[in-house]
Amino acid sequence: AMGATRAHRLGATVAAHVPEWWRGWLLGVACCAATTEVVAYAEDAPWWRNPLDRTTTTTKTTRASSSPRAAAPAVVTTRFFLPAAASGSDGTTRESVPFEQDAGVRMARDAAWADAVLRAWAASGASRGLAREERVEYFAADDPQPLCGVLVAPPEVSTDDDDDDTGDTQHPLAGVVLYHTAAGPRDLFLHWHAHRLADLGYVAFVADLYGDAAGDAWTPEWTKRRREGLDLRARAVAAVDALAARLGTTPSSSGSSSGTTPAKKPRLGAVGFCLGGRAAAEVAKAGAKLAAAVSFHGVLDDATPVAPTSADSDATPTSTALLVLHGERDPFAPRLDAFRAQLRDVDRLAADLVVFAGATHGFSNPAQRLNENPNFDYDDRAATLGWRLAEAHLDTYLRRPTPPPPPPP
């Protein structure tokens, strides 16, 4: 009460001795000061900050806020908002929807890179938030490095042996491994395509070829160290094995006493980009459980002889249909003719090669428009046609009840 009385007296004094135009000016200054304080507090709050705005080259940053007002909890959620598209593939207007990842995980080179991918994601009409995501730790044979994969499954498909959901019975259960670029597995571009595949009814599995759980591969020095002595084929096969293990059984629909029965062997495919395109081709050459594989602008600079894969040494190699999507101006396939000749010598492998005129390396990623390297660029025509070809290729060999045999080598 005393404080209110003093404030009233102060106000009366100001009104009596300060001209009216000064009073308005003082009120404006006070409002601006209050607004500045609110904005400063909001910028310091952890829920407001976008971790992609960091200028540091490492992703292992302190998660606590630097502001003394608020400290971030040990685990928080980062929300990347997908920009609203003018209309979706069905003609309806779509609103911005958040894409969530654990804080401290770097998902793009920088904020502009993320924005380019997120805008393309929104424009594609792919679902945002409907598919279920699950992190899966797995290992390659004789390799102590933990690998961090992400399983992205349609909501109606069960990947849990104890679940009673029978999923889609009109099509055979099918899974697709996604192999990442040199930038590593923590990539919005890769997650976008995982959700596109989930929209089509596939169980997608984002593979990890580096052992990168936090997005450290966006730092070139870190990636260079991890690629030294990398057994690409072994880790690529490990991802196929990890997905196959998750899809190995499905709930019984006949009411057996055990509740589950051995399922028909799930059909598996792979899609890879850049370094991952080479990984997809390597697994296809090895005959490791894949019915279909697609390589987008793969790093096809190796024509080494095909060696048997230890994981499948006791199994009959799978007949694999490989689709190679290549840019005419891509410099990362200097021995393309040797690669094609090698594919012709691989039993049980039928390969189709599509070359897009004028396209460079990385043509499928809209963020490559921001790449200063002239050997990289986005090509909308090649990206659109390439994805349609990939969809048709996977549908032909994975989703049809009775897929046709691969064309003769």
Protein backbone atom coordinates (compact mmCIF):
# COMPACT_ATOMS: atom_id res chain seq x y z
CA ALA A 1 0.00 0.00 0.00
CA MET A 2 2.87 2.36 0.89
CA GLY A 3 4.55 1.61 -2.46
CA ALA A 4 1.36 2.39 -4.37
CA THR A 5 0.94 5.70 -2.49
CA ARG A 6 4.50 6.76 -3.27
CA ALA A 7 4.07 5.88 -6.95
CA HIS A 8 0.87 7.95 -7.07
CA ARG A 9 2.61 10.97 -5.50
CA LEU A 10 5.52 10.64 -7.96
CA GLY A 11 3.11 10.53 -10.86
CA ALA A 12 1.28 13.62 -9.64
CA THR A 13 4.59 15.48 -9.24
CA VAL A 14 5.67 14.58 -12.78
CA ALA A 15 2.30 15.64 -14.18
CA ALA A 16 2.54 19.01 -12.43
CA HIS A 17 6.11 19.94 -13.35
CA VAL A 18 6.87 18.12 -16.66
CA PRO A 19 5.38 19.44 -19.94
CA GLU A 20 2.86 17.17 -21.64
CA TRP A 21 5.03 16.44 -24.68
CA TRP A 22 7.87 15.36 -22.36
CA ARG A 23 5.56 12.91 -20.62
CA GLY A 24 4.79 11.17 -23.91
CA TRP A 25 8.48 11.00 -24.76
CA LEU A 26 9.35 9.46 -21.36
CA LEU A 27 6.56 6.89 -21.75
CA GLY A 28 7.90 5.90 -25.17
CA VAL A 29 11.43 5.45 -23.80
CA ALA A 30 10.11 3.27 -20.97
CA CYS A 31 8.15 1.05 -23.41
CA CYS A 32 11.18 0.61 -25.70
CA ALA A 33 13.35 -0.38 -22.73
CA ALA A 34 10.81 -2.96 -21.58
CA THR A 35 10.48 -4.41 -25.10
CA THR A 36 14.28 -4.68 -25.48
CA GLU A 37 14.51 -6.60 -22.20
CA VAL A 38 11.80 -9.07 -23.27
CA VAL A 39 13.49 -9.72 -26.64
CA ALA A 40 16.90 -10.20 -24.98
CA TYR A 41 15.41 -12.75 -22.60
CA ALA A 42 13.71 -14.63 -25.45
CA GLU A 43 16.94 -14.82 -27.45
CA ASP A 44 18.73 -16.36 -24.45
CA ALA A 45 15.99 -18.92 -23.78
CA PRO A 46 16.98 -22.45 -24.96
CA TRP A 47 13.58 -23.18 -26.48
CA TRP A 48 13.99 -20.26 -28.88
CA ARG A 49 17.49 -20.86 -30.13
CA ASN A 50 18.09 -22.81 -33.33
CA PRO A 51 21.21 -24.98 -32.94
CA LEU A 52 21.81 -24.77 -36.69
CA ASP A 53 22.73 -21.09 -36.22
CA ARG A 54 25.98 -22.12 -34.49
CA THR A 55 29.19 -20.85 -36.08
CA THR A 56 31.42 -23.43 -34.40
CA THR A 57 32.68 -26.42 -36.33
CA THR A 58 31.94 -28.97 -33.63
CA THR A 59 28.56 -30.29 -32.55
CA LYS A 60 29.61 -31.24 -29.03
CA THR A 61 28.67 -27.86 -27.59
CA THR A 62 27.50 -27.11 -24.07
CA ARG A 63 23.76 -27.61 -23.81
CA ALA A 64 23.25 -25.15 -20.94
CA SER A 65 22.24 -21.61 -21.79
CA SER A 66 24.84 -18.90 -21.32
CA SER A 67 22.18 -16.67 -19.78
CA PRO A 68 22.06 -16.56 -15.96
CA ARG A 69 18.27 -16.33 -16.13
CA ALA A 70 17.60 -19.80 -17.50
CA ALA A 71 19.59 -23.01 -17.85
CA ALA A 72 18.70 -25.61 -20.49
CA PRO A 73 17.88 -29.07 -19.16
CA ALA A 74 20.23 -31.95 -19.92
CA VAL A 75 17.93 -33.18 -22.68
CA VAL A 76 15.78 -30.80 -24.67
CA THR A 77 14.03 -31.00 -28.01
CA THR A 78 15.03 -29.01 -31.07
CA ARG A 79 12.16 -28.02 -33.33
CA PHE A 80 12.92 -27.35 -36.99
CA PHE A 81 9.83 -25.77 -38.52
CA LEU A 82 9.02 -26.86 -42.03
CA PRO A 83 7.96 -23.83 -44.07
CA ALA A 84 4.41 -23.90 -45.34
CA ALA A 85 4.07 -24.98 -48.95
CA ALA A 86 1.61 -23.24 -51.23
CA SER A 87 -0.11 -26.58 -51.71
CA GLY A 88 0.58 -30.24 -51.18
CA SER A 89 0.59 -33.01 -53.75
CA ASP A 90 -3.14 -33.43 -53.15
CA GLY A 91 -3.84 -29.74 -53.85
CA THR A 92 -4.56 -28.83 -50.25
CA THR A 93 -2.80 -26.05 -48.39
CA ARG A 94 -0.35 -27.28 -45.78
CA GLU A 95 0.71 -25.53 -42.60
CA SER A 96 4.18 -25.45 -41.07
CA VAL A 97 4.83 -28.55 -39.00
CA PRO A 98 7.78 -29.02 -36.62
CA PHE A 99 10.46 -31.60 -37.24
CA GLU A 100 11.97 -32.71 -33.94
CA GLN A 101 15.43 -34.00 -33.13
CA ASP A 102 17.38 -34.29 -29.89
CA ALA A 103 19.27 -31.11 -29.03
CA GLY A 104 22.99 -31.27 -29.66
CA VAL A 105 22.57 -33.29 -32.88
CA ARG A 106 23.74 -31.38 -35.91
CA MET A 107 21.48 -32.11 -38.89
CA ALA A 108 22.83 -29.75 -41.59
CA ARG A 109 25.90 -27.76 -42.59
CA ASP A 110 24.30 -24.52 -41.42
CA ALA A 111 20.91 -22.81 -41.11
CA ALA A 112 20.69 -21.93 -44.82
CA TRP A 113 21.46 -25.53 -45.77
CA ALA A 114 18.73 -26.80 -43.44
CA ASP A 115 16.24 -24.26 -44.76
CA ALA A 116 16.80 -25.38 -48.36
CA VAL A 117 16.12 -29.02 -47.47
CA LEU A 118 13.14 -28.24 -45.26
CA ARG A 119 11.51 -26.14 -47.97
CA ALA A 120 11.91 -28.98 -50.45
CA TRP A 121 10.53 -31.40 -47.86
CA ALA A 122 7.44 -29.22 -47.36
CA ALA A 123 6.93 -28.76 -51.10
CA SER A 124 7.18 -32.51 -51.74
CA GLY A 125 4.07 -33.18 -49.65
CA ALA A 126 5.85 -35.89 -47.65
CA SER A 127 4.31 -36.53 -44.24
CA ARG A 128 5.81 -34.75 -41.27
CA GLY A 129 5.32 -36.48 -37.96
CA LEU A 130 3.13 -39.43 -39.00
CA ALA A 131 5.88 -42.04 -39.29
CA ARG A 132 7.42 -43.55 -36.16
CA GLU A 133 11.14 -43.00 -35.58
CA GLU A 134 13.37 -45.19 -33.43
CA ARG A 135 17.12 -45.11 -32.90
CA VAL A 136 18.82 -48.48 -33.28
CA GLU A 137 22.37 -49.26 -32.19
CA TYR A 138 24.04 -52.05 -34.15
CA PHE A 139 27.52 -53.33 -35.05
CA ALA A 140 29.35 -54.59 -38.10
CA ALA A 141 31.07 -57.96 -37.95
CA ASP A 142 34.39 -57.86 -36.02
CA ASP A 143 34.04 -54.11 -35.56
CA PRO A 144 33.76 -52.60 -32.04
CA GLN A 145 32.49 -49.24 -33.30
CA PRO A 146 28.82 -48.69 -32.32
CA LEU A 147 26.70 -47.60 -35.27
CA CYS A 148 23.60 -45.45 -34.78
CA GLY A 149 20.78 -46.13 -37.22
CA VAL A 150 17.29 -44.64 -37.31
CA LEU A 151 14.25 -46.76 -38.13
CA VAL A 152 11.38 -44.84 -39.78
CA ALA A 153 8.21 -46.92 -40.09
CA PRO A 154 4.68 -46.15 -41.25
CA PRO A 155 2.25 -46.00 -38.31
CA GLU A 156 0.31 -49.02 -39.54
CA VAL A 157 3.36 -51.28 -39.86
CA SER A 158 4.75 -53.09 -36.82
CA THR A 159 8.48 -53.59 -36.35
CA ASP A 160 8.07 -55.09 -32.87
CA ASP A 161 7.74 -58.86 -32.45
CA ASP A 162 5.50 -58.34 -29.40
CA ASP A 163 3.08 -56.01 -31.19
CA ASP A 164 -0.28 -57.39 -32.24
CA ASP A 165 -0.62 -55.11 -35.27
CA THR A 166 -0.56 -57.14 -38.46
CA GLY A 167 0.08 -54.10 -40.64
CA ASP A 168 -0.63 -54.02 -44.35
CA THR A 169 -1.65 -57.44 -45.65
CA GLN A 170 -2.13 -56.41 -49.28
CA HIS A 171 1.59 -56.03 -49.94
CA PRO A 172 4.59 -58.00 -48.73
CA LEU A 173 6.54 -56.39 -45.90
CA ALA A 174 9.42 -54.43 -47.40
CA GLY A 175 12.28 -52.44 -45.96
CA VAL A 176 14.73 -50.00 -47.52
CA VAL A 177 18.17 -49.07 -46.17
CA LEU A 178 19.22 -45.47 -46.79
CA TYR A 179 22.98 -44.85 -47.10
CA HIS A 180 24.25 -41.36 -46.40
CA THR A 181 26.57 -39.01 -48.23
CA ALA A 182 30.06 -38.07 -47.06
CA ALA A 183 28.34 -35.63 -44.66
CA GLY A 184 27.20 -38.52 -42.50
CA PRO A 185 23.92 -40.04 -41.30
CA ARG A 186 22.65 -37.07 -39.29
CA ASP A 187 21.27 -35.24 -42.29
CA LEU A 188 17.83 -33.66 -42.81
CA PHE A 189 18.06 -34.61 -46.49
CA LEU A 190 18.32 -38.29 -45.58
CA HIS A 191 15.50 -38.10 -43.04
CA TRP A 192 13.29 -36.40 -45.61
CA HIS A 193 13.75 -39.36 -47.96
CA ALA A 194 13.20 -41.83 -45.13
CA HIS A 195 9.80 -40.25 -44.53
CA ARG A 196 9.06 -40.28 -48.27
CA LEU A 197 9.68 -44.02 -48.27
CA ALA A 198 7.54 -44.48 -45.16
CA ASP A 199 4.72 -42.69 -46.96
CA LEU A 200 4.97 -45.38 -49.64
CA GLY A 201 4.63 -48.14 -47.04
CA TYR A 202 8.28 -49.10 -46.63
CA VAL A 203 10.13 -49.46 -43.35
CA ALA A 204 13.13 -47.18 -43.91
CA PHE A 205 16.40 -47.55 -42.05
CA VAL A 206 18.90 -44.67 -42.05
CA ALA A 207 22.25 -46.44 -41.93
CA ASP A 208 25.39 -45.18 -40.20
CA LEU A 209 28.65 -45.88 -42.00
CA TYR A 210 30.80 -43.79 -39.64
CA GLY A 211 29.60 -44.34 -36.08
CA ASP A 212 28.24 -40.80 -35.89
CA ALA A 213 25.44 -40.26 -33.39
CA ALA A 214 25.71 -36.47 -33.04
CA GLY A 215 26.36 -35.13 -36.55
CA ASP A 216 30.12 -34.79 -36.15
CA ALA A 217 30.58 -35.77 -39.79
CA TRP A 218 29.65 -32.22 -40.82
CA THR A 219 33.17 -31.35 -39.63
CA PRO A 220 35.55 -32.31 -42.49
CA GLU A 221 38.48 -33.11 -40.18
CA TRP A 222 36.38 -35.55 -38.16
CA THR A 223 35.08 -37.25 -41.32
CA LYS A 224 38.57 -37.60 -42.76
CA ARG A 225 39.72 -39.49 -39.67
CA ARG A 226 36.68 -41.80 -39.69
CA ARG A 227 37.09 -42.67 -43.36
CA GLU A 228 40.67 -43.85 -42.91
CA GLY A 229 40.59 -47.64 -43.17
CA LEU A 230 36.79 -47.65 -43.47
CA ASP A 231 35.42 -51.06 -44.49
CA LEU A 232 32.51 -49.63 -46.45
CA ARG A 233 31.07 -52.93 -47.58
CA ALA A 234 31.10 -54.52 -44.13
CA ARG A 235 29.29 -51.61 -42.54
CA ALA A 236 26.85 -51.36 -45.43
CA VAL A 237 26.01 -55.06 -45.09
CA ALA A 238 25.64 -54.61 -41.31
CA ALA A 239 22.84 -52.10 -41.91
CA VAL A 240 21.02 -54.58 -44.14
CA ASP A 241 21.39 -57.25 -41.47
CA ALA A 242 20.10 -54.86 -38.78
CA LEU A 243 16.98 -54.04 -40.81
CA ALA A 244 16.43 -57.70 -41.71
CA ALA A 245 16.59 -58.62 -38.01
CA ARG A 246 13.86 -56.10 -37.19
CA LEU A 247 11.62 -57.39 -40.00
CA GLY A 248 12.41 -61.07 -39.55
CA THR A 249 9.09 -62.00 -37.90
CA THR A 250 5.64 -60.49 -37.92
CA PRO A 251 2.64 -61.07 -35.64
CA SER A 252 0.57 -64.08 -36.50
CA SER A 253 -2.83 -63.50 -38.08
CA SER A 254 -3.97 -67.08 -37.51
CA GLY A 255 -4.08 -66.95 -33.70
CA SER A 256 -1.30 -69.46 -33.02
CA SER A 257 -0.40 -70.23 -29.41
CA SER A 258 2.92 -68.43 -29.61
CA GLY A 259 1.36 -65.24 -30.98
CA THR A 260 4.03 -64.94 -33.67
CA THR A 261 5.03 -67.09 -36.60
CA PRO A 262 7.96 -66.97 -38.97
CA ALA A 263 7.03 -64.49 -41.63
CA LYS A 264 7.67 -64.61 -45.29
CA LYS A 265 11.16 -63.36 -45.81
CA PRO A 266 10.84 -59.56 -46.04
CA ARG A 267 11.96 -57.99 -49.25
CA LEU A 268 14.84 -55.58 -48.76
CA GLY A 269 16.16 -52.76 -50.86
CA ALA A 270 18.69 -49.96 -50.56
CA VAL A 271 18.98 -46.36 -51.73
CA GLY A 272 22.24 -44.46 -51.42
CA PHE A 273 23.49 -40.98 -52.23
CA CYS A 274 27.09 -39.99 -53.04
CA LEU A 275 29.25 -42.20 -50.78
CA GLY A 276 26.05 -44.05 -49.94
CA GLY A 277 25.42 -44.63 -53.65
CA ARG A 278 28.67 -46.52 -53.76
CA ALA A 279 27.67 -48.43 -50.61
CA ALA A 280 24.38 -49.47 -52.23
CA ALA A 281 26.25 -50.70 -55.30
CA GLU A 282 28.76 -52.59 -53.13
CA VAL A 283 26.02 -54.42 -51.22
CA ALA A 284 24.23 -55.21 -54.47
CA LYS A 285 27.44 -56.67 -55.93
CA ALA A 286 27.88 -58.77 -52.80
CA GLY A 287 24.42 -60.30 -53.14
CA ALA A 288 23.58 -59.46 -49.53
CA LYS A 289 19.84 -60.02 -49.17
CA LEU A 290 18.84 -57.13 -51.44
CA ALA A 291 16.20 -57.53 -54.12
CA ALA A 292 16.69 -53.97 -55.40
CA ALA A 293 19.20 -51.15 -54.98
CA VAL A 294 19.40 -47.56 -56.24
CA SER A 295 22.54 -45.43 -56.44
CA PHE A 296 22.11 -41.64 -56.73
CA HIS A 297 25.24 -39.87 -58.04
CA GLY A 298 27.39 -42.54 -56.39
CA VAL A 299 31.13 -42.23 -55.89
CA LEU A 300 31.95 -44.90 -58.45
CA ASP A 301 35.71 -44.48 -58.53
CA ASP A 302 36.55 -48.05 -57.58
CA ALA A 303 36.62 -51.07 -59.87
CA THR A 304 38.04 -53.57 -57.40
CA PRO A 305 37.10 -57.22 -57.88
CA VAL A 306 34.01 -58.44 -56.08
CA ALA A 307 34.89 -60.33 -52.91
CA PRO A 308 32.50 -62.69 -51.08
CA THR A 309 30.72 -61.18 -48.07
CA SER A 310 31.31 -63.00 -44.81
CA ALA A 311 27.77 -62.35 -43.62
CA ASP A 312 26.37 -64.21 -46.60
CA SER A 313 29.11 -66.80 -47.13
CA ASP A 314 26.76 -69.64 -46.20
CA ALA A 315 23.73 -68.27 -48.00
CA THR A 316 22.73 -68.27 -51.63
CA PRO A 317 23.34 -64.80 -53.08
CA THR A 318 20.19 -62.83 -53.77
CA SER A 319 19.34 -61.78 -57.30
CA THR A 320 19.55 -58.00 -57.19
CA ALA A 321 18.29 -55.36 -59.61
CA LEU A 322 20.56 -52.31 -59.42
CA LEU A 323 19.59 -48.89 -60.77
CA VAL A 324 22.45 -46.39 -61.15
CA LEU A 325 21.40 -42.74 -61.56
CA HIS A 326 24.37 -40.67 -62.71
CA GLY A 327 25.06 -37.07 -63.71
CA GLU A 328 26.79 -36.49 -67.03
CA ARG A 329 29.15 -33.91 -65.49
CA ASP A 330 29.83 -35.84 -62.29
CA PRO A 331 33.62 -36.03 -61.81
CA PHE A 332 33.41 -38.69 -59.08
CA ALA A 333 33.04 -41.58 -61.50
CA PRO A 334 36.20 -41.30 -63.63
CA ARG A 335 36.20 -45.05 -64.31
CA LEU A 336 32.51 -45.43 -65.11
CA ASP A 337 33.21 -47.75 -68.05
CA ALA A 338 35.29 -50.04 -65.82
CA PHE A 339 32.52 -50.00 -63.22
CA ARG A 340 29.94 -50.97 -65.84
CA ALA A 341 32.16 -53.76 -67.12
CA GLN A 342 32.54 -55.10 -63.60
CA LEU A 343 28.79 -55.12 -63.05
CA ARG A 344 28.34 -57.26 -66.17
CA ASP A 345 30.67 -59.86 -64.65
CA VAL A 346 28.70 -60.20 -61.40
CA ASP A 347 26.37 -63.19 -61.28
CA ARG A 348 22.80 -62.58 -60.13
CA LEU A 349 23.11 -58.83 -60.68
CA ALA A 350 21.26 -56.89 -63.34
CA ALA A 351 22.16 -53.22 -63.59
CA ASP A 352 20.51 -50.34 -65.39
CA LEU A 353 22.39 -47.06 -65.85
CA VAL A 354 20.63 -43.72 -66.40
CA VAL A 355 22.76 -40.66 -67.21
CA PHE A 356 21.16 -37.23 -66.82
CA ALA A 357 22.51 -34.71 -69.33
CA GLY A 358 24.24 -31.73 -67.75
CA ALA A 359 23.78 -32.92 -64.17
CA THR A 360 26.67 -32.70 -61.72
CA HIS A 361 27.44 -34.48 -58.46
CA GLY A 362 24.79 -34.16 -55.75
CA PHE A 363 22.03 -33.30 -58.24
CA SER A 364 19.26 -34.67 -55.99
CA ASN A 365 19.86 -32.34 -53.00
CA PRO A 366 18.36 -28.82 -53.20
CA ALA A 367 20.91 -27.57 -50.66
CA GLN A 368 23.71 -28.20 -53.16
CA ARG A 369 22.75 -24.88 -54.74
CA LEU A 370 24.65 -23.39 -51.79
CA ASN A 371 27.80 -25.43 -52.45
CA GLU A 372 30.71 -23.27 -53.61
CA ASN A 373 32.36 -26.25 -55.33
CA PRO A 374 31.45 -26.10 -59.07
CA ASN A 375 31.38 -29.91 -59.23
CA PHE A 376 28.25 -29.90 -57.02
CA ASP A 377 24.85 -28.48 -57.92
CA TYR A 378 21.15 -29.23 -57.70
CA ASP A 379 19.32 -30.21 -60.88
CA ASP A 380 15.54 -30.12 -60.46
CA ARG A 381 14.82 -32.13 -63.59
CA ALA A 382 17.30 -34.89 -62.73
CA ALA A 383 16.17 -34.94 -59.08
CA THR A 384 12.48 -35.24 -59.97
CA LEU A 385 12.91 -37.86 -62.69
CA GLY A 386 15.48 -39.74 -60.63
CA TRP A 387 13.19 -40.10 -57.63
CA ARG A 388 10.31 -41.25 -59.83
CA LEU A 389 12.56 -43.89 -61.37
CA ALA A 390 13.70 -44.96 -57.90
CA GLU A 391 10.09 -45.27 -56.69
CA ALA A 392 9.15 -47.37 -59.72
CA HIS A 393 12.24 -49.54 -59.33
CA LEU A 394 11.53 -50.27 -55.66
CA ASP A 395 7.85 -50.87 -56.32
CA THR A 396 8.64 -53.35 -59.08
CA TYR A 397 10.98 -55.52 -57.03
CA LEU A 398 9.79 -54.98 -53.45
CA ARG A 399 6.08 -54.22 -53.36
CA ARG A 400 4.50 -56.35 -56.05
CA PRO A 401 3.10 -59.68 -54.77
CA THR A 402 5.06 -61.48 -57.52
CA PRO A 403 7.95 -59.35 -58.71
CA PRO A 404 9.29 -59.97 -62.20
CA PRO A 405 12.73 -61.53 -62.49
CA PRO A 406 15.56 -59.05 -63.00
CA PRO A 407 16.50 -58.50 -66.64
CA PRO A 408 19.42 -60.63 -67.81
CA PRO A 409 22.86 -59.13 -67.10
